[in-house]
Amino acid sequence: PALLFVAKERLHRLQSVYLDGPADLVVEIVSPDSARRDRVEKYEEYEAGGVREYWILDPTTHAAEFHRLDEDGRFHAASTPQGWFVSEVLKGFPLRIEWLWREPLPTVLEVMRSWSEA
């Protein structure tokens, strides 16, 4: 994956060259060569493996997909009300989706101020 996150209580899974068990959050950045693999094959692998959240970000189309693992062990699309995604894995980290594609990126102050809107 482009990025993965392992919660503090599961850091024991992190070995020197591999992760022994699922990450809590996986982010994939789609490229033309990886679109099918990211949206189909990796989706199925991460779902079966128990990854709690899977984000698929496509810089070409400016699309962002957020999937959460439910109690039934299946991914379901997470809602993004008013353009915000609120992660259940990264508590206190709401993400305004437009920030992903904005040039220039928002300042830290702008981000912190906008969190009160989320």
PDB file of N, CA and C in Angstrom:
ATOM      1  N   PRO A   1       0.827  -1.213   0.000  1.00  0.00           N
ATOM      2  CA  PRO A   1       0.000   0.000   0.000  1.00  0.00           C
ATOM      3  C   PRO A   1       0.860   1.262   0.000  1.00  0.00           C
ATOM      4  N   ALA A   2       0.244   2.376  -0.409  1.00  0.00           N
ATOM      5  CA  ALA A   2       0.948   3.653  -0.376  1.00  0.00           C
ATOM      6  C   ALA A   2       1.193   4.076   1.070  1.00  0.00           C
ATOM      7  N   LEU A   3       0.234   3.748   1.935  1.00  0.00           N
ATOM      8  CA  LEU A   3       0.322   4.137   3.338  1.00  0.00           C
ATOM      9  C   LEU A   3      -0.470   3.136   4.155  1.00  0.00           C
ATOM     10  N   LEU A   4       0.037   2.815   5.336  1.00  0.00           N
ATOM     11  CA  LEU A   4      -0.750   2.013   6.264  1.00  0.00           C
ATOM     12  C   LEU A   4      -0.573   2.558   7.663  1.00  0.00           C
ATOM     13  N   PHE A   5      -1.557   2.298   8.489  1.00  0.00           N
ATOM     14  CA  PHE A   5      -1.549   2.758   9.868  1.00  0.00           C
ATOM     15  C   PHE A   5      -1.871   1.576  10.759  1.00  0.00           C
ATOM     16  N   VAL A   6      -1.091   1.439  11.839  1.00  0.00           N
ATOM     17  CA  VAL A   6      -1.333   0.410  12.843  1.00  0.00           C
ATOM     18  C   VAL A   6      -1.514   1.127  14.181  1.00  0.00           C
ATOM     19  N   ALA A   7      -2.631   0.868  14.835  1.00  0.00           N
ATOM     20  CA  ALA A   7      -2.923   1.515  16.114  1.00  0.00           C
ATOM     21  C   ALA A   7      -1.923   1.065  17.183  1.00  0.00           C
ATOM     22  N   LYS A   8      -1.719   1.922  18.162  1.00  0.00           N
ATOM     23  CA  LYS A   8      -0.739   1.664  19.217  1.00  0.00           C
ATOM     24  C   LYS A   8      -0.959   0.314  19.890  1.00  0.00           C
ATOM     25  N   GLU A   9      -2.212  -0.033  20.121  1.00  0.00           N
ATOM     26  CA  GLU A   9      -2.495  -1.302  20.816  1.00  0.00           C
ATOM     27  C   GLU A   9      -2.188  -2.536  19.963  1.00  0.00           C
ATOM     28  N   ARG A  10      -1.882  -2.339  18.686  1.00  0.00           N
ATOM     29  CA  ARG A  10      -1.531  -3.463  17.811  1.00  0.00           C
ATOM     30  C   ARG A  10      -0.108  -3.344  17.238  1.00  0.00           C
ATOM     31  N   LEU A  11       0.696  -2.488  17.826  1.00  0.00           N
ATOM     32  CA  LEU A  11       2.061  -2.309  17.337  1.00  0.00           C
ATOM     33  C   LEU A  11       2.896  -3.586  17.442  1.00  0.00           C
ATOM     34  N   HIS A  12       2.507  -4.490  18.329  1.00  0.00           N
ATOM     35  CA  HIS A  12       3.237  -5.754  18.444  1.00  0.00           C
ATOM     36  C   HIS A  12       3.186  -6.560  17.143  1.00  0.00           C
ATOM     37  N   ARG A  13       2.227  -6.272  16.275  1.00  0.00           N
ATOM     38  CA  ARG A  13       2.140  -6.950  14.976  1.00  0.00           C
ATOM     39  C   ARG A  13       3.226  -6.497  13.996  1.00  0.00           C
ATOM     40  N   LEU A  14       3.790  -5.333  14.253  1.00  0.00           N
ATOM     41  CA  LEU A  14       4.772  -4.754  13.339  1.00  0.00           C
ATOM     42  C   LEU A  14       6.134  -5.396  13.581  1.00  0.00           C
ATOM     43  N   GLN A  15       6.557  -6.202  12.625  1.00  0.00           N
ATOM     44  CA  GLN A  15       7.855  -6.878  12.697  1.00  0.00           C
ATOM     45  C   GLN A  15       8.873  -6.079  11.876  1.00  0.00           C
ATOM     46  N   SER A  16      10.121  -6.502  11.862  1.00  0.00           N
ATOM     47  CA  SER A  16      11.154  -5.717  11.185  1.00  0.00           C
ATOM     48  C   SER A  16      10.937  -5.604   9.683  1.00  0.00           C
ATOM     49  N   VAL A  17      10.362  -6.618   9.043  1.00  0.00           N
ATOM     50  CA  VAL A  17      10.179  -6.563   7.591  1.00  0.00           C
ATOM     51  C   VAL A  17       8.753  -6.900   7.140  1.00  0.00           C
ATOM     52  N   TYR A  18       7.826  -7.062   8.078  1.00  0.00           N
ATOM     53  CA  TYR A  18       6.450  -7.356   7.692  1.00  0.00           C
ATOM     54  C   TYR A  18       5.495  -7.011   8.827  1.00  0.00           C
ATOM     55  N   LEU A  19       4.220  -7.002   8.505  1.00  0.00           N
ATOM     56  CA  LEU A  19       3.165  -6.775   9.486  1.00  0.00           C
ATOM     57  C   LEU A  19       2.453  -8.100   9.706  1.00  0.00           C
ATOM     58  N   ASP A  20       2.451  -8.591  10.928  1.00  0.00           N
ATOM     59  CA  ASP A  20       1.859  -9.878  11.271  1.00  0.00           C
ATOM     60  C   ASP A  20       0.388  -9.672  11.628  1.00  0.00           C
ATOM     61  N   GLY A  21      -0.446  -9.576  10.617  1.00  0.00           N
ATOM     62  CA  GLY A  21      -1.870  -9.306  10.798  1.00  0.00           C
ATOM     63  C   GLY A  21      -2.255  -8.072  10.015  1.00  0.00           C
ATOM     64  N   PRO A  22      -3.521  -7.718  10.051  1.00  0.00           N
ATOM     65  CA  PRO A  22      -3.981  -6.595   9.238  1.00  0.00           C
ATOM     66  C   PRO A  22      -3.608  -5.234   9.830  1.00  0.00           C
ATOM     67  N   ALA A  23      -3.403  -4.280   8.939  1.00  0.00           N
ATOM     68  CA  ALA A  23      -3.276  -2.883   9.359  1.00  0.00           C
ATOM     69  C   ALA A  23      -4.663  -2.401   9.765  1.00  0.00           C
ATOM     70  N   ASP A  24      -4.710  -1.339  10.517  1.00  0.00           N
ATOM     71  CA  ASP A  24      -5.998  -0.750  10.864  1.00  0.00           C
ATOM     72  C   ASP A  24      -6.548   0.094   9.720  1.00  0.00           C
ATOM     73  N   LEU A  25      -5.640   0.734   8.991  1.00  0.00           N
ATOM     74  CA  LEU A  25      -6.010   1.601   7.869  1.00  0.00           C
ATOM     75  C   LEU A  25      -5.008   1.382   6.745  1.00  0.00           C
ATOM     76  N   VAL A  26      -5.517   1.250   5.530  1.00  0.00           N
ATOM     77  CA  VAL A  26      -4.669   1.151   4.343  1.00  0.00           C
ATOM     78  C   VAL A  26      -5.145   2.200   3.342  1.00  0.00           C
ATOM     79  N   VAL A  27      -4.187   2.930   2.758  1.00  0.00           N
ATOM     80  CA  VAL A  27      -4.478   3.926   1.726  1.00  0.00           C
ATOM     81  C   VAL A  27      -3.751   3.503   0.456  1.00  0.00           C
ATOM     82  N   GLU A  28      -4.476   3.441  -0.639  1.00  0.00           N
ATOM     83  CA  GLU A  28      -3.893   3.166  -1.954  1.00  0.00           C
ATOM     84  C   GLU A  28      -4.076   4.402  -2.824  1.00  0.00           C
ATOM     85  N   ILE A  29      -3.021   4.779  -3.525  1.00  0.00           N
ATOM     86  CA  ILE A  29      -3.068   5.854  -4.512  1.00  0.00           C
ATOM     87  C   ILE A  29      -3.139   5.174  -5.871  1.00  0.00           C
ATOM     88  N   VAL A  30      -4.235   5.376  -6.573  1.00  0.00           N
ATOM     89  CA  VAL A  30      -4.475   4.702  -7.850  1.00  0.00           C
ATOM     90  C   VAL A  30      -3.619   5.326  -8.943  1.00  0.00           C
ATOM     91  N   SER A  31      -3.016   4.467  -9.736  1.00  0.00           N
ATOM     92  CA  SER A  31      -2.336   4.895 -10.954  1.00  0.00           C
ATOM     93  C   SER A  31      -3.001   4.159 -12.107  1.00  0.00           C
ATOM     94  N   PRO A  32      -2.791   4.598 -13.339  1.00  0.00           N
ATOM     95  CA  PRO A  32      -3.420   3.889 -14.464  1.00  0.00           C
ATOM     96  C   PRO A  32      -3.086   2.394 -14.481  1.00  0.00           C
ATOM     97  N   ASP A  33      -1.891   2.044 -14.048  1.00  0.00           N
ATOM     98  CA  ASP A  33      -1.488   0.638 -14.043  1.00  0.00           C
ATOM     99  C   ASP A  33      -2.076  -0.161 -12.889  1.00  0.00           C
ATOM    100  N   SER A  34      -2.534   0.517 -11.827  1.00  0.00           N
ATOM    101  CA  SER A  34      -2.980  -0.210 -10.642  1.00  0.00           C
ATOM    102  C   SER A  34      -4.478  -0.132 -10.375  1.00  0.00           C
ATOM    103  N   ALA A  35      -5.239   0.533 -11.225  1.00  0.00           N
ATOM    104  CA  ALA A  35      -6.656   0.784 -10.940  1.00  0.00           C
ATOM    105  C   ALA A  35      -7.435  -0.495 -10.654  1.00  0.00           C
ATOM    106  N   ARG A  36      -7.320  -1.485 -11.524  1.00  0.00           N
ATOM    107  CA  ARG A  36      -8.066  -2.731 -11.308  1.00  0.00           C
ATOM    108  C   ARG A  36      -7.589  -3.441 -10.045  1.00  0.00           C
ATOM    109  N   ARG A  37      -6.295  -3.508  -9.880  1.00  0.00           N
ATOM    110  CA  ARG A  37      -5.756  -4.194  -8.698  1.00  0.00           C
ATOM    111  C   ARG A  37      -6.213  -3.504  -7.413  1.00  0.00           C
ATOM    112  N   ASP A  38      -6.170  -2.176  -7.368  1.00  0.00           N
ATOM    113  CA  ASP A  38      -6.559  -1.444  -6.163  1.00  0.00           C
ATOM    114  C   ASP A  38      -8.049  -1.578  -5.858  1.00  0.00           C
ATOM    115  N   ARG A  39      -8.881  -1.512  -6.893  1.00  0.00           N
ATOM    116  CA  ARG A  39     -10.331  -1.502  -6.683  1.00  0.00           C
ATOM    117  C   ARG A  39     -10.959  -2.891  -6.582  1.00  0.00           C
ATOM    118  N   VAL A  40     -10.269  -3.904  -7.069  1.00  0.00           N
ATOM    119  CA  VAL A  40     -10.848  -5.248  -7.051  1.00  0.00           C
ATOM    120  C   VAL A  40      -9.997  -6.195  -6.205  1.00  0.00           C
ATOM    121  N   GLU A  41      -8.796  -6.461  -6.659  1.00  0.00           N
ATOM    122  CA  GLU A  41      -7.979  -7.476  -5.994  1.00  0.00           C
ATOM    123  C   GLU A  41      -7.572  -7.066  -4.582  1.00  0.00           C
ATOM    124  N   LYS A  42      -7.009  -5.873  -4.426  1.00  0.00           N
ATOM    125  CA  LYS A  42      -6.597  -5.435  -3.093  1.00  0.00           C
ATOM    126  C   LYS A  42      -7.804  -5.215  -2.193  1.00  0.00           C
ATOM    127  N   TYR A  43      -8.883  -4.693  -2.756  1.00  0.00           N
ATOM    128  CA  TYR A  43     -10.121  -4.525  -1.994  1.00  0.00           C
ATOM    129  C   TYR A  43     -10.512  -5.850  -1.352  1.00  0.00           C
ATOM    130  N   GLU A  44     -10.543  -6.901  -2.150  1.00  0.00           N
ATOM    131  CA  GLU A  44     -10.930  -8.217  -1.645  1.00  0.00           C
ATOM    132  C   GLU A  44      -9.910  -8.750  -0.641  1.00  0.00           C
ATOM    133  N   GLU A  45      -8.620  -8.546  -0.911  1.00  0.00           N
ATOM    134  CA  GLU A  45      -7.575  -9.011   0.009  1.00  0.00           C
ATOM    135  C   GLU A  45      -7.669  -8.293   1.357  1.00  0.00           C
ATOM    136  N   TYR A  46      -7.824  -6.984   1.336  1.00  0.00           N
ATOM    137  CA  TYR A  46      -7.885  -6.221   2.580  1.00  0.00           C
ATOM    138  C   TYR A  46      -9.163  -6.536   3.353  1.00  0.00           C
ATOM    139  N   GLU A  47     -10.252  -6.721   2.652  1.00  0.00           N
ATOM    140  CA  GLU A  47     -11.505  -7.093   3.306  1.00  0.00           C
ATOM    141  C   GLU A  47     -11.352  -8.447   3.998  1.00  0.00           C
ATOM    142  N   ALA A  48     -10.865  -9.441   3.277  1.00  0.00           N
ATOM    143  CA  ALA A  48     -10.679 -10.788   3.832  1.00  0.00           C
ATOM    144  C   ALA A  48      -9.667 -10.783   4.971  1.00  0.00           C
ATOM    145  N   GLY A  49      -8.671  -9.897   4.887  1.00  0.00           N
ATOM    146  CA  GLY A  49      -7.636  -9.837   5.904  1.00  0.00           C
ATOM    147  C   GLY A  49      -8.037  -9.113   7.173  1.00  0.00           C
ATOM    148  N   GLY A  50      -9.129  -8.348   7.122  1.00  0.00           N
ATOM    149  CA  GLY A  50      -9.602  -7.664   8.313  1.00  0.00           C
ATOM    150  C   GLY A  50      -9.111  -6.240   8.501  1.00  0.00           C
ATOM    151  N   VAL A  51      -8.711  -5.571   7.414  1.00  0.00           N
ATOM    152  CA  VAL A  51      -8.328  -4.156   7.492  1.00  0.00           C
ATOM    153  C   VAL A  51      -9.578  -3.361   7.837  1.00  0.00           C
ATOM    154  N   ARG A  52      -9.493  -2.510   8.859  1.00  0.00           N
ATOM    155  CA  ARG A  52     -10.685  -1.796   9.348  1.00  0.00           C
ATOM    156  C   ARG A  52     -11.166  -0.696   8.408  1.00  0.00           C
ATOM    157  N   GLU A  53     -10.235   0.044   7.772  1.00  0.00           N
ATOM    158  CA  GLU A  53     -10.604   1.075   6.801  1.00  0.00           C
ATOM    159  C   GLU A  53      -9.682   0.975   5.600  1.00  0.00           C
ATOM    160  N   TYR A  54     -10.273   1.145   4.422  1.00  0.00           N
ATOM    161  CA  TYR A  54      -9.528   1.122   3.170  1.00  0.00           C
ATOM    162  C   TYR A  54      -9.907   2.356   2.378  1.00  0.00           C
ATOM    163  N   TRP A  55      -8.916   3.207   2.107  1.00  0.00           N
ATOM    164  CA  TRP A  55      -9.130   4.423   1.334  1.00  0.00           C
ATOM    165  C   TRP A  55      -8.498   4.226  -0.028  1.00  0.00           C
ATOM    166  N   ILE A  56      -9.234   4.553  -1.078  1.00  0.00           N
ATOM    167  CA  ILE A  56      -8.726   4.496  -2.448  1.00  0.00           C
ATOM    168  C   ILE A  56      -8.771   5.917  -3.001  1.00  0.00           C
ATOM    169  N   LEU A  57      -7.600   6.474  -3.289  1.00  0.00           N
ATOM    170  CA  LEU A  57      -7.495   7.851  -3.771  1.00  0.00           C
ATOM    171  C   LEU A  57      -6.997   7.847  -5.201  1.00  0.00           C
ATOM    172  N   ASP A  58      -7.739   8.518  -6.085  1.00  0.00           N
ATOM    173  CA  ASP A  58      -7.390   8.552  -7.503  1.00  0.00           C
ATOM    174  C   ASP A  58      -7.070   9.988  -7.906  1.00  0.00           C
ATOM    175  N   PRO A  59      -5.788  10.342  -7.990  1.00  0.00           N
ATOM    176  CA  PRO A  59      -5.420  11.716  -8.335  1.00  0.00           C
ATOM    177  C   PRO A  59      -5.776  12.109  -9.759  1.00  0.00           C
ATOM    178  N   THR A  60      -5.963  11.150 -10.653  1.00  0.00           N
ATOM    179  CA  THR A  60      -6.316  11.460 -12.035  1.00  0.00           C
ATOM    180  C   THR A  60      -7.743  11.973 -12.132  1.00  0.00           C
ATOM    181  N   THR A  61      -8.659  11.322 -11.436  1.00  0.00           N
ATOM    182  CA  THR A  61     -10.075  11.699 -11.494  1.00  0.00           C
ATOM    183  C   THR A  61     -10.531  12.514 -10.281  1.00  0.00           C
ATOM    184  N   HIS A  62      -9.623  12.715  -9.336  1.00  0.00           N
ATOM    185  CA  HIS A  62      -9.938  13.406  -8.085  1.00  0.00           C
ATOM    186  C   HIS A  62     -11.075  12.710  -7.335  1.00  0.00           C
ATOM    187  N   ALA A  63     -11.042  11.387  -7.370  1.00  0.00           N
ATOM    188  CA  ALA A  63     -12.050  10.585  -6.665  1.00  0.00           C
ATOM    189  C   ALA A  63     -11.439  10.006  -5.395  1.00  0.00           C
ATOM    190  N   ALA A  64     -12.248   9.942  -4.358  1.00  0.00           N
ATOM    191  CA  ALA A  64     -11.827   9.342  -3.094  1.00  0.00           C
ATOM    192  C   ALA A  64     -12.925   8.393  -2.639  1.00  0.00           C
ATOM    193  N   GLU A  65     -12.538   7.160  -2.372  1.00  0.00           N
ATOM    194  CA  GLU A  65     -13.471   6.148  -1.880  1.00  0.00           C
ATOM    195  C   GLU A  65     -13.001   5.730  -0.495  1.00  0.00           C
ATOM    196  N   PHE A  66     -13.948   5.615   0.423  1.00  0.00           N
ATOM    197  CA  PHE A  66     -13.634   5.228   1.790  1.00  0.00           C
ATOM    198  C   PHE A  66     -14.499   4.026   2.149  1.00  0.00           C
ATOM    199  N   HIS A  67     -13.852   2.974   2.602  1.00  0.00           N
ATOM    200  CA  HIS A  67     -14.563   1.733   2.936  1.00  0.00           C
ATOM    201  C   HIS A  67     -14.248   1.347   4.375  1.00  0.00           C
ATOM    202  N   ARG A  68     -15.297   0.883   5.076  1.00  0.00           N
ATOM    203  CA  ARG A  68     -15.151   0.446   6.461  1.00  0.00           C
ATOM    204  C   ARG A  68     -15.563  -1.006   6.577  1.00  0.00           C
ATOM    205  N   LEU A  69     -14.842  -1.730   7.409  1.00  0.00           N
ATOM    206  CA  LEU A  69     -15.180  -3.110   7.689  1.00  0.00           C
ATOM    207  C   LEU A  69     -16.247  -3.119   8.779  1.00  0.00           C
ATOM    208  N   ASP A  70     -17.381  -3.732   8.484  1.00  0.00           N
ATOM    209  CA  ASP A  70     -18.463  -3.818   9.456  1.00  0.00           C
ATOM    210  C   ASP A  70     -18.363  -5.115  10.247  1.00  0.00           C
ATOM    211  N   GLU A  71     -19.273  -5.267  11.193  1.00  0.00           N
ATOM    212  CA  GLU A  71     -19.279  -6.455  12.046  1.00  0.00           C
ATOM    213  C   GLU A  71     -19.395  -7.747  11.245  1.00  0.00           C
ATOM    214  N   ASP A  72     -19.971  -7.674  10.056  1.00  0.00           N
ATOM    215  CA  ASP A  72     -20.138  -8.866   9.229  1.00  0.00           C
ATOM    216  C   ASP A  72     -18.876  -9.233   8.452  1.00  0.00           C
ATOM    217  N   GLY A  73     -17.788  -8.449   8.655  1.00  0.00           N
ATOM    218  CA  GLY A  73     -16.526  -8.738   7.983  1.00  0.00           C
ATOM    219  C   GLY A  73     -16.478  -8.308   6.533  1.00  0.00           C
ATOM    220  N   ARG A  74     -17.387  -7.426   6.142  1.00  0.00           N
ATOM    221  CA  ARG A  74     -17.452  -6.941   4.752  1.00  0.00           C
ATOM    222  C   ARG A  74     -17.212  -5.441   4.733  1.00  0.00           C
ATOM    223  N   PHE A  75     -16.572  -4.985   3.644  1.00  0.00           N
ATOM    224  CA  PHE A  75     -16.418  -3.547   3.454  1.00  0.00           C
ATOM    225  C   PHE A  75     -17.741  -2.944   3.005  1.00  0.00           C
ATOM    226  N   HIS A  76     -17.996  -1.756   3.512  1.00  0.00           N
ATOM    227  CA  HIS A  76     -19.146  -0.964   3.094  1.00  0.00           C
ATOM    228  C   HIS A  76     -18.653   0.463   2.859  1.00  0.00           C
ATOM    229  N   ALA A  77     -19.203   1.107   1.854  1.00  0.00           N
ATOM    230  CA  ALA A  77     -18.822   2.489   1.567  1.00  0.00           C
ATOM    231  C   ALA A  77     -19.181   3.360   2.762  1.00  0.00           C
ATOM    232  N   ALA A  78     -18.219   4.160   3.187  1.00  0.00           N
ATOM    233  CA  ALA A  78     -18.453   5.076   4.299  1.00  0.00           C
ATOM    234  C   ALA A  78     -19.017   6.379   3.757  1.00  0.00           C
ATOM    235  N   SER A  79     -19.900   6.978   4.509  1.00  0.00           N
ATOM    236  CA  SER A  79     -20.523   8.220   4.055  1.00  0.00           C
ATOM    237  C   SER A  79     -19.537   9.383   4.192  1.00  0.00           C
ATOM    238  N   THR A  80     -19.758  10.387   3.357  1.00  0.00           N
ATOM    239  CA  THR A  80     -18.929  11.598   3.366  1.00  0.00           C
ATOM    240  C   THR A  80     -19.844  12.823   3.352  1.00  0.00           C
ATOM    241  N   PRO A  81     -20.569  13.050   4.458  1.00  0.00           N
ATOM    242  CA  PRO A  81     -21.509  14.170   4.484  1.00  0.00           C
ATOM    243  C   PRO A  81     -20.825  15.518   4.305  1.00  0.00           C
ATOM    244  N   GLN A  82     -21.391  16.338   3.455  1.00  0.00           N
ATOM    245  CA  GLN A  82     -20.897  17.687   3.149  1.00  0.00           C
ATOM    246  C   GLN A  82     -19.409  17.709   2.817  1.00  0.00           C
ATOM    247  N   GLY A  83     -18.919  16.642   2.157  1.00  0.00           N
ATOM    248  CA  GLY A  83     -17.539  16.630   1.705  1.00  0.00           C
ATOM    249  C   GLY A  83     -16.507  16.294   2.762  1.00  0.00           C
ATOM    250  N   TRP A  84     -16.944  15.791   3.906  1.00  0.00           N
ATOM    251  CA  TRP A  84     -16.038  15.401   4.983  1.00  0.00           C
ATOM    252  C   TRP A  84     -16.030  13.889   5.132  1.00  0.00           C
ATOM    253  N   PHE A  85     -14.863  13.337   5.413  1.00  0.00           N
ATOM    254  CA  PHE A  85     -14.785  11.936   5.830  1.00  0.00           C
ATOM    255  C   PHE A  85     -14.248  11.939   7.251  1.00  0.00           C
ATOM    256  N   VAL A  86     -14.958  11.260   8.128  1.00  0.00           N
ATOM    257  CA  VAL A  86     -14.542  11.162   9.520  1.00  0.00           C
ATOM    258  C   VAL A  86     -14.146   9.717   9.777  1.00  0.00           C
ATOM    259  N   SER A  87     -12.863   9.515   9.951  1.00  0.00           N
ATOM    260  CA  SER A  87     -12.323   8.179  10.155  1.00  0.00           C
ATOM    261  C   SER A  87     -12.701   7.643  11.527  1.00  0.00           C
ATOM    262  N   GLU A  88     -13.010   6.354  11.585  1.00  0.00           N
ATOM    263  CA  GLU A  88     -13.214   5.694  12.872  1.00  0.00           C
ATOM    264  C   GLU A  88     -11.885   5.172  13.408  1.00  0.00           C
ATOM    265  N   VAL A  89     -10.912   5.006  12.542  1.00  0.00           N
ATOM    266  CA  VAL A  89      -9.600   4.512  12.944  1.00  0.00           C
ATOM    267  C   VAL A  89      -8.735   5.648  13.484  1.00  0.00           C
ATOM    268  N   LEU A  90      -8.714   6.770  12.782  1.00  0.00           N
ATOM    269  CA  LEU A  90      -7.939   7.938  13.190  1.00  0.00           C
ATOM    270  C   LEU A  90      -8.869   8.908  13.914  1.00  0.00           C
ATOM    271  N   LYS A  91      -9.132   8.632  15.157  1.00  0.00           N
ATOM    272  CA  LYS A  91     -10.051   9.464  15.949  1.00  0.00           C
ATOM    273  C   LYS A  91      -9.553  10.905  15.980  1.00  0.00           C
ATOM    274  N   GLY A  92     -10.465  11.837  15.802  1.00  0.00           N
ATOM    275  CA  GLY A  92     -10.108  13.243  15.849  1.00  0.00           C
ATOM    276  C   GLY A  92      -9.430  13.759  14.597  1.00  0.00           C
ATOM    277  N   PHE A  93      -9.577  13.008  13.492  1.00  0.00           N
ATOM    278  CA  PHE A  93      -8.948  13.422  12.234  1.00  0.00           C
ATOM    279  C   PHE A  93      -9.985  13.447  11.121  1.00  0.00           C
ATOM    280  N   PRO A  94     -10.866  14.462  11.127  1.00  0.00           N
ATOM    281  CA  PRO A  94     -11.787  14.588   9.997  1.00  0.00           C
ATOM    282  C   PRO A  94     -11.022  15.097   8.778  1.00  0.00           C
ATOM    283  N   LEU A  95     -11.417  14.624   7.628  1.00  0.00           N
ATOM    284  CA  LEU A  95     -10.719  14.976   6.390  1.00  0.00           C
ATOM    285  C   LEU A  95     -11.691  15.626   5.416  1.00  0.00           C
ATOM    286  N   ARG A  96     -11.393  16.860   5.036  1.00  0.00           N
ATOM    287  CA  ARG A  96     -12.172  17.513   3.988  1.00  0.00           C
ATOM    288  C   ARG A  96     -11.619  16.972   2.671  1.00  0.00           C
ATOM    289  N   ILE A  97     -12.445  16.290   1.921  1.00  0.00           N
ATOM    290  CA  ILE A  97     -11.987  15.556   0.749  1.00  0.00           C
ATOM    291  C   ILE A  97     -11.343  16.478  -0.287  1.00  0.00           C
ATOM    292  N   GLU A  98     -11.838  17.669  -0.444  1.00  0.00           N
ATOM    293  CA  GLU A  98     -11.264  18.597  -1.438  1.00  0.00           C
ATOM    294  C   GLU A  98      -9.807  18.929  -1.131  1.00  0.00           C
ATOM    295  N   TRP A  99      -9.382  18.775   0.119  1.00  0.00           N
ATOM    296  CA  TRP A  99      -7.985  19.056   0.452  1.00  0.00           C
ATOM    297  C   TRP A  99      -7.025  18.138  -0.291  1.00  0.00           C
ATOM    298  N   LEU A 100      -7.483  16.953  -0.603  1.00  0.00           N
ATOM    299  CA  LEU A 100      -6.608  15.983  -1.266  1.00  0.00           C
ATOM    300  C   LEU A 100      -6.118  16.474  -2.620  1.00  0.00           C
ATOM    301  N   TRP A 101      -6.916  17.315  -3.272  1.00  0.00           N
ATOM    302  CA  TRP A 101      -6.616  17.733  -4.648  1.00  0.00           C
ATOM    303  C   TRP A 101      -6.288  19.215  -4.744  1.00  0.00           C
ATOM    304  N   ARG A 102      -6.343  19.917  -3.662  1.00  0.00           N
ATOM    305  CA  ARG A 102      -6.180  21.367  -3.690  1.00  0.00           C
ATOM    306  C   ARG A 102      -4.725  21.772  -3.911  1.00  0.00           C
ATOM    307  N   GLU A 103      -4.549  22.785  -4.743  1.00  0.00           N
ATOM    308  CA  GLU A 103      -3.236  23.393  -4.976  1.00  0.00           C
ATOM    309  C   GLU A 103      -3.370  24.888  -4.710  1.00  0.00           C
ATOM    310  N   PRO A 104      -2.621  25.453  -3.825  1.00  0.00           N
ATOM    311  CA  PRO A 104      -1.724  24.792  -2.893  1.00  0.00           C
ATOM    312  C   PRO A 104      -2.519  24.104  -1.781  1.00  0.00           C
ATOM    313  N   LEU A 105      -1.857  23.221  -1.067  1.00  0.00           N
ATOM    314  CA  LEU A 105      -2.490  22.528   0.047  1.00  0.00           C
ATOM    315  C   LEU A 105      -2.890  23.534   1.119  1.00  0.00           C
ATOM    316  N   PRO A 106      -3.901  23.223   1.918  1.00  0.00           N
ATOM    317  CA  PRO A 106      -4.292  24.155   2.979  1.00  0.00           C
ATOM    318  C   PRO A 106      -3.196  24.276   4.034  1.00  0.00           C
ATOM    319  N   THR A 107      -3.175  25.409   4.695  1.00  0.00           N
ATOM    320  CA  THR A 107      -2.211  25.602   5.782  1.00  0.00           C
ATOM    321  C   THR A 107      -2.675  24.826   7.011  1.00  0.00           C
ATOM    322  N   VAL A 108      -1.776  24.588   7.909  1.00  0.00           N
ATOM    323  CA  VAL A 108      -2.113  23.887   9.154  1.00  0.00           C
ATOM    324  C   VAL A 108      -3.186  24.676   9.912  1.00  0.00           C
ATOM    325  N   LEU A 109      -3.064  25.976   9.965  1.00  0.00           N
ATOM    326  CA  LEU A 109      -4.041  26.811  10.661  1.00  0.00           C
ATOM    327  C   LEU A 109      -5.421  26.670  10.023  1.00  0.00           C
ATOM    328  N   GLU A 110      -5.492  26.682   8.694  1.00  0.00           N
ATOM    329  CA  GLU A 110      -6.764  26.523   7.992  1.00  0.00           C
ATOM    330  C   GLU A 110      -7.394  25.156   8.308  1.00  0.00           C
ATOM    331  N   VAL A 111      -6.582  24.141   8.334  1.00  0.00           N
ATOM    332  CA  VAL A 111      -7.077  22.792   8.641  1.00  0.00           C
ATOM    333  C   VAL A 111      -7.630  22.757  10.062  1.00  0.00           C
ATOM    334  N   MET A 112      -6.888  23.265  11.011  1.00  0.00           N
ATOM    335  CA  MET A 112      -7.320  23.227  12.416  1.00  0.00           C
ATOM    336  C   MET A 112      -8.598  24.038  12.623  1.00  0.00           C
ATOM    337  N   ARG A 113      -8.700  25.182  11.985  1.00  0.00           N
ATOM    338  CA  ARG A 113      -9.920  25.978  12.099  1.00  0.00           C
ATOM    339  C   ARG A 113     -11.138  25.261  11.519  1.00  0.00           C
ATOM    340  N   SER A 114     -10.936  24.565  10.416  1.00  0.00           N
ATOM    341  CA  SER A 114     -12.066  23.906   9.759  1.00  0.00           C
ATOM    342  C   SER A 114     -12.541  22.662  10.496  1.00  0.00           C
ATOM    343  N   TRP A 115     -11.723  22.095  11.371  1.00  0.00           N
ATOM    344  CA  TRP A 115     -12.148  20.902  12.112  1.00  0.00           C
ATOM    345  C   TRP A 115     -13.362  21.178  12.988  1.00  0.00           C
ATOM    346  N   SER A 116     -13.552  22.419  13.367  1.00  0.00           N
ATOM    347  CA  SER A 116     -14.731  22.731  14.171  1.00  0.00           C
ATOM    348  C   SER A 116     -16.007  22.604  13.341  1.00  0.00           C
ATOM    349  N   GLU A 117     -15.880  22.603  11.996  1.00  0.00           N
ATOM    350  CA  GLU A 117     -17.040  22.456  11.107  1.00  0.00           C
ATOM    351  C   GLU A 117     -17.452  21.010  10.908  1.00  0.00           C
ATOM    352  N   ALA A 118     -16.511  20.103  11.120  1.00  0.00           N
ATOM    353  CA  ALA A 118     -16.748  18.677  10.808  1.00  0.00           C
ATOM    354  C   ALA A 118     -17.765  18.046  11.738  1.00  0.00           C
TER     355      ALA A 118
END
